[in-house]
Structure formats: structure tokens, C-alpha cells
Amino acid sequence: MFLSNKNTKGALLAGTGFLVFFLYYLILVFSGWGEITGLTLGVFFTKVILQQITTGFYEELNYRFLLLEGLKSTKNDTVTKVVGVLISSILFGLLHCIGGWNTYTFLQTGAIGFAFAVIFVKSGNILIPMILHFVYDFFAKTVAYMNWKHTAVFDGLNSVFEIMLAAMFVISAVILILPCNGLRAREQ
């Protein structure tokens, strides 16, 4: 079954780039955590919990599993993996610009999608990207209702957001390109 939790350790290792970025993101969020406004219990449950569970499941299923599962039946070399992951990431970034073009949104979501695609391609585990996607979106959606406290730590961390996205992308690209036997998906 495609929703198995096979190779969880390999998936988490393949997700090192995203996990480093996400740790940075959590520190950023909590260093600037301010007053929440307009987030009722109903909105929290529907827009933050239910919508993000659905989004994490749906987007990973479409932009990782369905697009990249076919790599197993190809020659499955490094170039094929890189091309597949890039196509998945570009489509994912484009999806997030469907309401209007925004280069920043395209690059940010494309980089995050790249990291999730690397996790799936290297481990064969789709549940870990689904869970990580949900957890990231949970915070991203929650902070949309927040008035930030501009502390020195928050402002300093916020000034390197793009650098951290780039670091996540580079770490994920290295993991994708390097042959790491411990990360490879175990054939069923």
C-alpha cells in the first residue's frame, strides 16, 4: 500500500534540509509570536486544522507520489531523479501562484516542494512528507492571524529567511544527488 510508513528513518534523513529549515522557522515564529487576532475556534478548526490536513495529503499525493512514483519504472538514475524532482517542484510552485503570479511565492513553495520530493524519491515514504507538510502549513496558516512582536532576535532571523530557504534547497539537492544506501527506498 502506498500509505505505508516504510523506511521512516531514511525519510527523516532525506528530509534533513527541510528539518533544518523548519527548526529555523519555528525559532523565528516563536521569537516573534505576538497577539492572535481574528482566529476563532471555528476558523482555527476549519482553516488551520482540517484544511491543512487535506492540503498536506492532497498536495503530497499529487505533486510527489503521483508524479514521482513512475521513477521506479524508469532507469532511475541521478539525472532522471533530478529532472523528476525539479518538474514536481516547478509544478508545485506554479500551483501556489494560480491566483496571480508572485515570484517570491513560486520560489518559496518550489523550494519546499523540492525538499518534500527529495524525501519521497530517496525513501519511498510518502507519509513523512504529508506529515511535515501539514505541520509546516499549520504554523504558516496560524501566523497569518498574528501580529508580530519585532524583537531583535525575530528581526535578525527574519532577515535571513531567503538564505535558509536556499540552504534547505542546497542540502536537499546534495542528498538527492549523493548515493546514500541508507536512504534508498526498500523495494516491497
N, C-alpha and C. Protein backbone atom coordinates (compact mmCIF):
# COMPACT_ATOMS: atom_id res chain seq x y z
N MET A 1 0.84 -1.19 0.00
CA MET A 1 0.00 0.00 0.00
C MET A 1 0.88 1.25 0.00
N PHE A 2 0.49 2.25 -0.76
CA PHE A 2 1.32 3.43 -0.91
C PHE A 2 1.39 4.29 0.36
N LEU A 3 0.46 4.16 1.29
CA LEU A 3 0.49 4.95 2.51
C LEU A 3 1.18 4.22 3.66
N SER A 4 2.13 3.37 3.35
CA SER A 4 2.86 2.69 4.41
C SER A 4 3.88 3.64 5.02
N ASN A 5 4.38 3.25 6.17
CA ASN A 5 5.39 4.08 6.82
C ASN A 5 6.77 3.46 6.66
N LYS A 6 6.98 2.78 5.53
CA LYS A 6 8.27 2.13 5.27
C LYS A 6 9.39 3.16 5.27
N ASN A 7 10.54 2.71 5.70
CA ASN A 7 11.76 3.49 5.64
C ASN A 7 11.61 4.88 6.27
N THR A 8 10.98 4.95 7.43
CA THR A 8 10.78 6.22 8.12
C THR A 8 12.10 6.89 8.47
N LYS A 9 13.06 6.10 8.94
CA LYS A 9 14.37 6.66 9.28
C LYS A 9 15.02 7.27 8.03
N GLY A 10 14.97 6.55 6.92
CA GLY A 10 15.52 7.07 5.67
C GLY A 10 14.82 8.33 5.22
N ALA A 11 13.49 8.38 5.41
CA ALA A 11 12.72 9.56 5.03
C ALA A 11 13.15 10.77 5.87
N LEU A 12 13.32 10.56 7.16
CA LEU A 12 13.74 11.66 8.02
C LEU A 12 15.16 12.12 7.69
N LEU A 13 16.04 11.18 7.38
CA LEU A 13 17.40 11.55 6.97
C LEU A 13 17.37 12.31 5.65
N ALA A 14 16.56 11.86 4.71
CA ALA A 14 16.43 12.55 3.42
C ALA A 14 15.82 13.93 3.60
N GLY A 15 15.09 14.12 4.68
CA GLY A 15 14.45 15.40 4.98
C GLY A 15 15.31 16.35 5.78
N THR A 16 16.59 16.07 5.90
CA THR A 16 17.48 16.92 6.70
C THR A 16 17.40 18.38 6.29
N GLY A 17 17.39 18.65 4.99
CA GLY A 17 17.30 20.04 4.52
C GLY A 17 16.04 20.72 5.03
N PHE A 18 14.90 20.04 4.87
CA PHE A 18 13.65 20.63 5.35
C PHE A 18 13.65 20.74 6.86
N LEU A 19 14.13 19.73 7.57
CA LEU A 19 14.11 19.76 9.04
C LEU A 19 14.96 20.90 9.60
N VAL A 20 16.10 21.17 8.98
CA VAL A 20 16.93 22.31 9.39
C VAL A 20 16.17 23.61 9.17
N PHE A 21 15.55 23.74 7.99
CA PHE A 21 14.75 24.93 7.71
C PHE A 21 13.59 25.06 8.68
N PHE A 22 12.91 23.95 8.95
CA PHE A 22 11.74 24.00 9.83
C PHE A 22 12.12 24.36 11.26
N LEU A 23 13.24 23.88 11.75
CA LEU A 23 13.72 24.27 13.08
C LEU A 23 13.96 25.78 13.12
N TYR A 24 14.63 26.30 12.09
CA TYR A 24 14.83 27.75 11.98
C TYR A 24 13.47 28.46 11.97
N TYR A 25 12.53 27.96 11.19
CA TYR A 25 11.21 28.59 11.06
C TYR A 25 10.48 28.63 12.41
N LEU A 26 10.55 27.52 13.15
CA LEU A 26 9.90 27.50 14.47
C LEU A 26 10.53 28.52 15.42
N ILE A 27 11.85 28.63 15.41
CA ILE A 27 12.52 29.62 16.26
C ILE A 27 12.10 31.03 15.83
N LEU A 28 12.03 31.26 14.53
CA LEU A 28 11.58 32.55 14.01
C LEU A 28 10.17 32.87 14.50
N VAL A 29 9.26 31.92 14.33
CA VAL A 29 7.86 32.14 14.72
C VAL A 29 7.74 32.42 16.21
N PHE A 30 8.38 31.59 17.03
CA PHE A 30 8.22 31.77 18.47
C PHE A 30 8.97 32.99 19.00
N SER A 31 10.00 33.44 18.30
CA SER A 31 10.70 34.65 18.74
C SER A 31 9.89 35.91 18.43
N GLY A 32 8.97 35.82 17.48
CA GLY A 32 8.15 36.97 17.13
C GLY A 32 6.68 36.78 17.44
N TRP A 33 6.36 35.72 18.19
CA TRP A 33 4.96 35.39 18.49
C TRP A 33 4.30 36.56 19.18
N GLY A 34 3.25 37.03 18.58
CA GLY A 34 2.52 38.16 19.14
C GLY A 34 1.07 37.80 19.39
N GLU A 35 0.26 38.79 19.35
CA GLU A 35 -1.16 38.61 19.62
C GLU A 35 -1.86 38.00 18.40
N ILE A 36 -2.70 37.00 18.65
CA ILE A 36 -3.50 36.38 17.59
C ILE A 36 -4.81 37.17 17.50
N THR A 37 -5.17 37.56 16.27
CA THR A 37 -6.41 38.31 16.08
C THR A 37 -7.24 37.68 14.97
N GLY A 38 -8.53 37.60 15.20
CA GLY A 38 -9.45 37.10 14.18
C GLY A 38 -9.48 35.60 14.01
N LEU A 39 -8.83 34.88 14.89
CA LEU A 39 -8.79 33.42 14.77
C LEU A 39 -9.76 32.82 15.79
N THR A 40 -10.98 32.61 15.34
CA THR A 40 -11.98 32.00 16.22
C THR A 40 -11.76 30.49 16.25
N LEU A 41 -12.41 29.81 17.18
CA LEU A 41 -12.29 28.36 17.27
C LEU A 41 -12.76 27.70 15.97
N GLY A 42 -13.84 28.19 15.39
CA GLY A 42 -14.34 27.64 14.13
C GLY A 42 -13.36 27.82 12.99
N VAL A 43 -12.79 29.00 12.88
CA VAL A 43 -11.80 29.27 11.83
C VAL A 43 -10.56 28.41 12.07
N PHE A 44 -10.13 28.31 13.32
CA PHE A 44 -8.95 27.51 13.64
C PHE A 44 -9.17 26.05 13.23
N PHE A 45 -10.33 25.51 13.57
CA PHE A 45 -10.61 24.11 13.26
C PHE A 45 -10.73 23.87 11.76
N THR A 46 -11.44 24.76 11.05
CA THR A 46 -11.66 24.52 9.62
C THR A 46 -10.49 24.96 8.74
N LYS A 47 -9.98 26.18 8.94
CA LYS A 47 -8.93 26.70 8.05
C LYS A 47 -7.53 26.28 8.45
N VAL A 48 -7.32 26.01 9.73
CA VAL A 48 -5.97 25.65 10.16
C VAL A 48 -5.82 24.13 10.27
N ILE A 49 -6.74 23.48 10.93
CA ILE A 49 -6.59 22.03 11.13
C ILE A 49 -7.07 21.24 9.90
N LEU A 50 -8.36 21.28 9.61
CA LEU A 50 -8.92 20.45 8.54
C LEU A 50 -8.36 20.80 7.16
N GLN A 51 -8.30 22.08 6.85
CA GLN A 51 -7.81 22.48 5.53
C GLN A 51 -6.34 22.08 5.36
N GLN A 52 -5.54 22.19 6.39
CA GLN A 52 -4.12 21.87 6.25
C GLN A 52 -3.87 20.36 6.23
N ILE A 53 -4.69 19.59 6.93
CA ILE A 53 -4.58 18.13 6.81
C ILE A 53 -4.89 17.72 5.37
N THR A 54 -5.97 18.26 4.84
CA THR A 54 -6.37 17.95 3.47
C THR A 54 -5.30 18.42 2.48
N THR A 55 -4.79 19.61 2.68
CA THR A 55 -3.77 20.16 1.78
C THR A 55 -2.51 19.31 1.80
N GLY A 56 -2.02 18.98 2.99
CA GLY A 56 -0.81 18.16 3.09
C GLY A 56 -0.98 16.82 2.40
N PHE A 57 -2.13 16.19 2.59
CA PHE A 57 -2.40 14.88 1.98
C PHE A 57 -2.51 15.03 0.46
N TYR A 58 -3.37 15.94 0.02
CA TYR A 58 -3.66 16.10 -1.41
C TYR A 58 -2.42 16.53 -2.19
N GLU A 59 -1.73 17.54 -1.73
CA GLU A 59 -0.58 18.05 -2.49
C GLU A 59 0.56 17.04 -2.55
N GLU A 60 0.81 16.33 -1.45
CA GLU A 60 1.87 15.32 -1.49
C GLU A 60 1.47 14.15 -2.39
N LEU A 61 0.22 13.78 -2.33
CA LEU A 61 -0.26 12.70 -3.20
C LEU A 61 -0.10 13.09 -4.67
N ASN A 62 -0.50 14.30 -5.03
CA ASN A 62 -0.43 14.74 -6.43
C ASN A 62 0.96 15.12 -6.89
N TYR A 63 1.64 15.95 -6.13
CA TYR A 63 2.89 16.54 -6.62
C TYR A 63 4.13 15.74 -6.25
N ARG A 64 4.00 14.77 -5.39
CA ARG A 64 5.11 13.89 -5.09
C ARG A 64 4.79 12.47 -5.54
N PHE A 65 3.83 11.85 -4.91
CA PHE A 65 3.57 10.43 -5.18
C PHE A 65 3.19 10.17 -6.64
N LEU A 66 2.14 10.81 -7.13
CA LEU A 66 1.67 10.52 -8.49
C LEU A 66 2.68 10.93 -9.56
N LEU A 67 3.35 12.04 -9.36
CA LEU A 67 4.32 12.48 -10.36
C LEU A 67 5.63 11.70 -10.30
N LEU A 68 6.03 11.27 -9.12
CA LEU A 68 7.36 10.69 -8.96
C LEU A 68 7.39 9.18 -8.79
N GLU A 69 6.26 8.56 -8.55
CA GLU A 69 6.24 7.11 -8.37
C GLU A 69 6.74 6.40 -9.62
N GLY A 70 6.49 6.99 -10.77
CA GLY A 70 6.91 6.39 -12.03
C GLY A 70 8.42 6.30 -12.19
N LEU A 71 9.18 7.03 -11.38
CA LEU A 71 10.63 6.94 -11.47
C LEU A 71 11.13 5.52 -11.22
N LYS A 72 10.38 4.75 -10.43
CA LYS A 72 10.79 3.37 -10.13
C LYS A 72 10.83 2.51 -11.39
N SER A 73 9.98 2.86 -12.37
CA SER A 73 9.92 2.04 -13.58
C SER A 73 10.81 2.59 -14.71
N THR A 74 11.55 3.66 -14.43
CA THR A 74 12.49 4.19 -15.42
C THR A 74 13.89 3.68 -15.08
N LYS A 75 14.87 4.20 -15.78
CA LYS A 75 16.23 3.77 -15.47
C LYS A 75 16.68 4.26 -14.10
N ASN A 76 15.94 5.19 -13.51
CA ASN A 76 16.10 5.60 -12.11
C ASN A 76 17.53 6.06 -11.80
N ASP A 77 18.16 6.74 -12.74
CA ASP A 77 19.49 7.27 -12.48
C ASP A 77 19.38 8.67 -11.87
N THR A 78 20.51 9.24 -11.53
CA THR A 78 20.53 10.54 -10.85
C THR A 78 19.90 11.63 -11.70
N VAL A 79 20.20 11.67 -12.99
CA VAL A 79 19.65 12.71 -13.86
C VAL A 79 18.13 12.60 -13.91
N THR A 80 17.61 11.40 -14.04
CA THR A 80 16.17 11.19 -14.08
C THR A 80 15.52 11.65 -12.78
N LYS A 81 16.14 11.33 -11.65
CA LYS A 81 15.62 11.76 -10.35
C LYS A 81 15.61 13.28 -10.24
N VAL A 82 16.71 13.91 -10.63
CA VAL A 82 16.80 15.37 -10.54
C VAL A 82 15.75 16.02 -11.43
N VAL A 83 15.60 15.55 -12.65
CA VAL A 83 14.60 16.11 -13.56
C VAL A 83 13.20 15.91 -12.98
N GLY A 84 12.89 14.72 -12.48
CA GLY A 84 11.58 14.45 -11.90
C GLY A 84 11.29 15.35 -10.71
N VAL A 85 12.26 15.50 -9.83
CA VAL A 85 12.09 16.34 -8.64
C VAL A 85 11.92 17.80 -9.05
N LEU A 86 12.70 18.26 -10.03
CA LEU A 86 12.56 19.65 -10.50
C LEU A 86 11.19 19.89 -11.13
N ILE A 87 10.71 18.96 -11.94
CA ILE A 87 9.38 19.11 -12.54
C ILE A 87 8.32 19.17 -11.45
N SER A 88 8.40 18.29 -10.48
CA SER A 88 7.46 18.28 -9.37
C SER A 88 7.49 19.61 -8.63
N SER A 89 8.68 20.14 -8.38
CA SER A 89 8.84 21.39 -7.65
C SER A 89 8.30 22.59 -8.43
N ILE A 90 8.58 22.61 -9.72
CA ILE A 90 8.10 23.71 -10.56
C ILE A 90 6.57 23.71 -10.61
N LEU A 91 5.98 22.54 -10.82
CA LEU A 91 4.51 22.45 -10.83
C LEU A 91 3.92 22.86 -9.49
N PHE A 92 4.58 22.46 -8.40
CA PHE A 92 4.11 22.81 -7.06
C PHE A 92 4.18 24.33 -6.86
N GLY A 93 5.27 24.94 -7.28
CA GLY A 93 5.39 26.39 -7.18
C GLY A 93 4.35 27.11 -8.02
N LEU A 94 4.13 26.60 -9.24
CA LEU A 94 3.11 27.21 -10.11
C LEU A 94 1.71 27.11 -9.51
N LEU A 95 1.41 25.97 -8.88
CA LEU A 95 0.11 25.80 -8.23
C LEU A 95 -0.15 26.91 -7.23
N HIS A 96 0.87 27.29 -6.50
CA HIS A 96 0.70 28.30 -5.46
C HIS A 96 0.63 29.72 -6.02
N CYS A 97 0.78 29.86 -7.32
CA CYS A 97 0.66 31.17 -7.98
C CYS A 97 -0.56 31.23 -8.89
N ILE A 98 -1.46 30.28 -8.72
CA ILE A 98 -2.61 30.20 -9.61
C ILE A 98 -3.51 31.43 -9.51
N GLY A 99 -3.55 32.09 -8.37
CA GLY A 99 -4.38 33.29 -8.21
C GLY A 99 -3.72 34.54 -8.75
N GLY A 100 -2.48 34.46 -9.12
CA GLY A 100 -1.72 35.61 -9.63
C GLY A 100 -0.24 35.36 -9.44
N TRP A 101 0.54 35.73 -10.43
CA TRP A 101 1.97 35.43 -10.37
C TRP A 101 2.66 36.20 -9.26
N ASN A 102 3.47 35.47 -8.49
CA ASN A 102 4.29 36.06 -7.44
C ASN A 102 5.59 35.26 -7.43
N THR A 103 6.66 35.88 -7.88
CA THR A 103 7.94 35.18 -7.98
C THR A 103 8.40 34.65 -6.63
N TYR A 104 8.23 35.45 -5.58
CA TYR A 104 8.66 35.03 -4.25
C TYR A 104 7.90 33.78 -3.80
N THR A 105 6.59 33.78 -3.99
CA THR A 105 5.77 32.61 -3.62
C THR A 105 6.19 31.40 -4.44
N PHE A 106 6.41 31.59 -5.73
CA PHE A 106 6.83 30.49 -6.60
C PHE A 106 8.14 29.88 -6.10
N LEU A 107 9.13 30.71 -5.80
CA LEU A 107 10.43 30.21 -5.35
C LEU A 107 10.34 29.56 -3.96
N GLN A 108 9.61 30.19 -3.06
CA GLN A 108 9.49 29.64 -1.70
C GLN A 108 8.78 28.28 -1.71
N THR A 109 7.63 28.21 -2.34
CA THR A 109 6.90 26.95 -2.34
C THR A 109 7.60 25.90 -3.20
N GLY A 110 8.24 26.35 -4.27
CA GLY A 110 9.02 25.42 -5.09
C GLY A 110 10.17 24.80 -4.32
N ALA A 111 10.87 25.61 -3.52
CA ALA A 111 11.98 25.09 -2.70
C ALA A 111 11.49 24.10 -1.66
N ILE A 112 10.38 24.42 -1.02
CA ILE A 112 9.82 23.50 -0.02
C ILE A 112 9.34 22.22 -0.71
N GLY A 113 8.69 22.36 -1.85
CA GLY A 113 8.26 21.19 -2.62
C GLY A 113 9.44 20.34 -3.07
N PHE A 114 10.56 20.97 -3.40
CA PHE A 114 11.77 20.25 -3.77
C PHE A 114 12.23 19.37 -2.61
N ALA A 115 12.25 19.94 -1.41
CA ALA A 115 12.67 19.18 -0.22
C ALA A 115 11.74 18.00 0.03
N PHE A 116 10.43 18.21 -0.10
CA PHE A 116 9.48 17.12 0.11
C PHE A 116 9.66 16.04 -0.96
N ALA A 117 9.92 16.46 -2.20
CA ALA A 117 10.12 15.49 -3.29
C ALA A 117 11.37 14.65 -3.05
N VAL A 118 12.42 15.26 -2.53
CA VAL A 118 13.65 14.52 -2.22
C VAL A 118 13.36 13.46 -1.17
N ILE A 119 12.59 13.81 -0.16
CA ILE A 119 12.24 12.83 0.88
C ILE A 119 11.57 11.62 0.24
N PHE A 120 10.58 11.88 -0.62
CA PHE A 120 9.85 10.76 -1.24
C PHE A 120 10.74 9.95 -2.17
N VAL A 121 11.49 10.62 -3.03
CA VAL A 121 12.31 9.91 -4.01
C VAL A 121 13.39 9.08 -3.32
N LYS A 122 14.01 9.61 -2.29
CA LYS A 122 15.10 8.89 -1.63
C LYS A 122 14.61 7.78 -0.71
N SER A 123 13.41 7.90 -0.16
CA SER A 123 12.96 6.92 0.83
C SER A 123 11.79 6.05 0.36
N GLY A 124 11.00 6.54 -0.58
CA GLY A 124 9.78 5.83 -0.97
C GLY A 124 8.64 6.01 0.02
N ASN A 125 8.85 6.82 1.04
CA ASN A 125 7.86 7.05 2.08
C ASN A 125 7.12 8.35 1.77
N ILE A 126 5.82 8.29 1.56
CA ILE A 126 5.03 9.49 1.28
C ILE A 126 4.39 10.04 2.55
N LEU A 127 4.27 9.23 3.60
CA LEU A 127 3.64 9.71 4.83
C LEU A 127 4.46 10.80 5.51
N ILE A 128 5.78 10.66 5.52
CA ILE A 128 6.61 11.68 6.18
C ILE A 128 6.45 13.04 5.49
N PRO A 129 6.53 13.13 4.15
CA PRO A 129 6.27 14.44 3.54
C PRO A 129 4.86 14.97 3.84
N MET A 130 3.86 14.08 3.88
CA MET A 130 2.50 14.52 4.20
C MET A 130 2.43 15.13 5.60
N ILE A 131 3.04 14.46 6.56
CA ILE A 131 3.02 14.95 7.94
C ILE A 131 3.80 16.26 8.06
N LEU A 132 4.99 16.30 7.48
CA LEU A 132 5.80 17.53 7.54
C LEU A 132 5.09 18.68 6.84
N HIS A 133 4.43 18.41 5.74
CA HIS A 133 3.68 19.44 5.01
C HIS A 133 2.57 19.99 5.90
N PHE A 134 1.83 19.10 6.54
CA PHE A 134 0.76 19.54 7.45
C PHE A 134 1.31 20.40 8.58
N VAL A 135 2.37 19.95 9.22
CA VAL A 135 2.90 20.68 10.37
C VAL A 135 3.41 22.06 9.95
N TYR A 136 4.12 22.12 8.82
CA TYR A 136 4.59 23.42 8.33
C TYR A 136 3.40 24.34 8.01
N ASP A 137 2.42 23.82 7.26
CA ASP A 137 1.25 24.62 6.90
C ASP A 137 0.45 25.05 8.12
N PHE A 138 0.41 24.20 9.14
CA PHE A 138 -0.29 24.55 10.39
C PHE A 138 0.26 25.86 10.95
N PHE A 139 1.58 25.95 11.05
CA PHE A 139 2.19 27.16 11.58
C PHE A 139 2.05 28.32 10.60
N ALA A 140 2.25 28.05 9.32
CA ALA A 140 2.16 29.12 8.31
C ALA A 140 0.75 29.72 8.29
N LYS A 141 -0.26 28.89 8.42
CA LYS A 141 -1.64 29.39 8.41
C LYS A 141 -1.96 30.10 9.73
N THR A 142 -1.46 29.59 10.84
CA THR A 142 -1.72 30.22 12.14
C THR A 142 -1.10 31.61 12.22
N VAL A 143 0.13 31.75 11.74
CA VAL A 143 0.79 33.05 11.84
C VAL A 143 0.16 34.10 10.94
N ALA A 144 -0.67 33.68 10.00
CA ALA A 144 -1.40 34.64 9.18
C ALA A 144 -2.36 35.47 10.02
N TYR A 145 -2.70 34.98 11.20
CA TYR A 145 -3.61 35.68 12.12
C TYR A 145 -2.86 36.38 13.25
N MET A 146 -1.56 36.51 13.12
CA MET A 146 -0.76 37.02 14.23
C MET A 146 -0.20 38.40 13.94
N ASN A 147 -0.19 39.21 14.98
CA ASN A 147 0.54 40.48 14.96
C ASN A 147 1.91 40.19 15.55
N TRP A 148 2.95 40.39 14.77
CA TRP A 148 4.30 40.03 15.19
C TRP A 148 4.85 41.00 16.23
N LYS A 149 5.65 40.46 17.13
CA LYS A 149 6.46 41.28 18.05
C LYS A 149 7.83 41.39 17.39
N HIS A 150 8.23 42.58 17.08
CA HIS A 150 9.51 42.76 16.39
C HIS A 150 10.63 42.90 17.42
N THR A 151 11.11 41.74 17.85
CA THR A 151 12.26 41.70 18.75
C THR A 151 13.53 41.66 17.90
N ALA A 152 14.66 41.89 18.54
CA ALA A 152 15.94 41.84 17.82
C ALA A 152 16.17 40.43 17.24
N VAL A 153 15.82 39.41 18.01
CA VAL A 153 16.00 38.03 17.54
C VAL A 153 15.10 37.77 16.34
N PHE A 154 13.84 38.16 16.45
CA PHE A 154 12.91 37.94 15.35
C PHE A 154 13.37 38.67 14.08
N ASP A 155 13.69 39.94 14.21
CA ASP A 155 14.09 40.71 13.04
C ASP A 155 15.37 40.16 12.42
N GLY A 156 16.32 39.72 13.26
CA GLY A 156 17.55 39.13 12.75
C GLY A 156 17.29 37.83 12.01
N LEU A 157 16.48 36.96 12.62
CA LEU A 157 16.15 35.69 11.98
C LEU A 157 15.34 35.90 10.70
N ASN A 158 14.43 36.85 10.74
CA ASN A 158 13.58 37.12 9.58
C ASN A 158 14.41 37.65 8.40
N SER A 159 15.50 38.32 8.69
CA SER A 159 16.33 38.88 7.62
C SER A 159 17.09 37.81 6.84
N VAL A 160 17.16 36.59 7.38
CA VAL A 160 17.88 35.52 6.67
C VAL A 160 16.93 34.42 6.17
N PHE A 161 15.65 34.73 6.07
CA PHE A 161 14.66 33.74 5.65
C PHE A 161 15.02 33.15 4.28
N GLU A 162 15.33 34.00 3.33
CA GLU A 162 15.65 33.53 1.98
C GLU A 162 16.93 32.70 1.98
N ILE A 163 17.89 33.06 2.81
CA ILE A 163 19.13 32.29 2.93
C ILE A 163 18.83 30.89 3.46
N MET A 164 17.92 30.79 4.42
CA MET A 164 17.56 29.49 4.98
C MET A 164 16.80 28.65 3.95
N LEU A 165 15.96 29.28 3.14
CA LEU A 165 15.30 28.55 2.05
C LEU A 165 16.35 28.01 1.07
N ALA A 166 17.32 28.83 0.74
CA ALA A 166 18.38 28.40 -0.18
C ALA A 166 19.19 27.27 0.43
N ALA A 167 19.48 27.36 1.73
CA ALA A 167 20.24 26.30 2.41
C ALA A 167 19.45 24.99 2.38
N MET A 168 18.14 25.07 2.62
CA MET A 168 17.30 23.88 2.56
C MET A 168 17.37 23.26 1.17
N PHE A 169 17.27 24.09 0.15
CA PHE A 169 17.32 23.61 -1.23
C PHE A 169 18.66 22.94 -1.52
N VAL A 170 19.76 23.56 -1.12
CA VAL A 170 21.08 23.01 -1.40
C VAL A 170 21.30 21.69 -0.66
N ILE A 171 20.93 21.65 0.62
CA ILE A 171 21.08 20.41 1.39
C ILE A 171 20.26 19.29 0.74
N SER A 172 19.03 19.62 0.35
CA SER A 172 18.16 18.62 -0.29
C SER A 172 18.74 18.17 -1.63
N ALA A 173 19.30 19.10 -2.40
CA ALA A 173 19.89 18.75 -3.69
C ALA A 173 21.09 17.82 -3.50
N VAL A 174 21.91 18.09 -2.49
CA VAL A 174 23.06 17.23 -2.21
C VAL A 174 22.59 15.83 -1.83
N ILE A 175 21.57 15.77 -0.98
CA ILE A 175 21.02 14.47 -0.57
C ILE A 175 20.46 13.72 -1.79
N LEU A 176 19.81 14.43 -2.69
CA LEU A 176 19.25 13.80 -3.88
C LEU A 176 20.34 13.24 -4.79
N ILE A 177 21.41 13.98 -4.95
CA ILE A 177 22.47 13.60 -5.90
C ILE A 177 23.39 12.52 -5.34
N LEU A 178 23.69 12.59 -4.05
CA LEU A 178 24.63 11.62 -3.47
C LEU A 178 23.99 10.24 -3.33
N PRO A 179 24.75 9.20 -3.66
CA PRO A 179 24.23 7.85 -3.42
C PRO A 179 24.34 7.53 -1.93
N CYS A 180 23.22 7.42 -1.29
CA CYS A 180 23.18 7.12 0.15
C CYS A 180 22.35 5.86 0.34
N ASN A 181 23.01 4.73 0.47
CA ASN A 181 22.30 3.46 0.56
C ASN A 181 21.31 3.39 1.71
N GLY A 182 21.58 4.05 2.82
CA GLY A 182 20.69 4.02 3.96
C GLY A 182 19.39 4.75 3.73
N LEU A 183 19.35 5.62 2.71
CA LEU A 183 18.16 6.41 2.44
C LEU A 183 17.28 5.78 1.37
N ARG A 184 17.82 4.87 0.60
CA ARG A 184 17.09 4.32 -0.54
C ARG A 184 15.84 3.59 -0.10
N ALA A 185 14.85 3.71 -0.90
CA ALA A 185 13.59 3.03 -0.62
C ALA A 185 13.79 1.53 -0.73
N ARG A 186 13.26 0.83 0.22
CA ARG A 186 13.30 -0.63 0.16
C ARG A 186 12.19 -1.11 -0.75
N GLU A 187 12.53 -1.95 -1.66
CA GLU A 187 11.53 -2.49 -2.57
C GLU A 187 10.61 -3.44 -1.81
N GLN A 188 9.34 -3.37 -2.16
CA GLN A 188 8.37 -4.21 -1.45
C GLN A 188 8.38 -5.60 -2.02
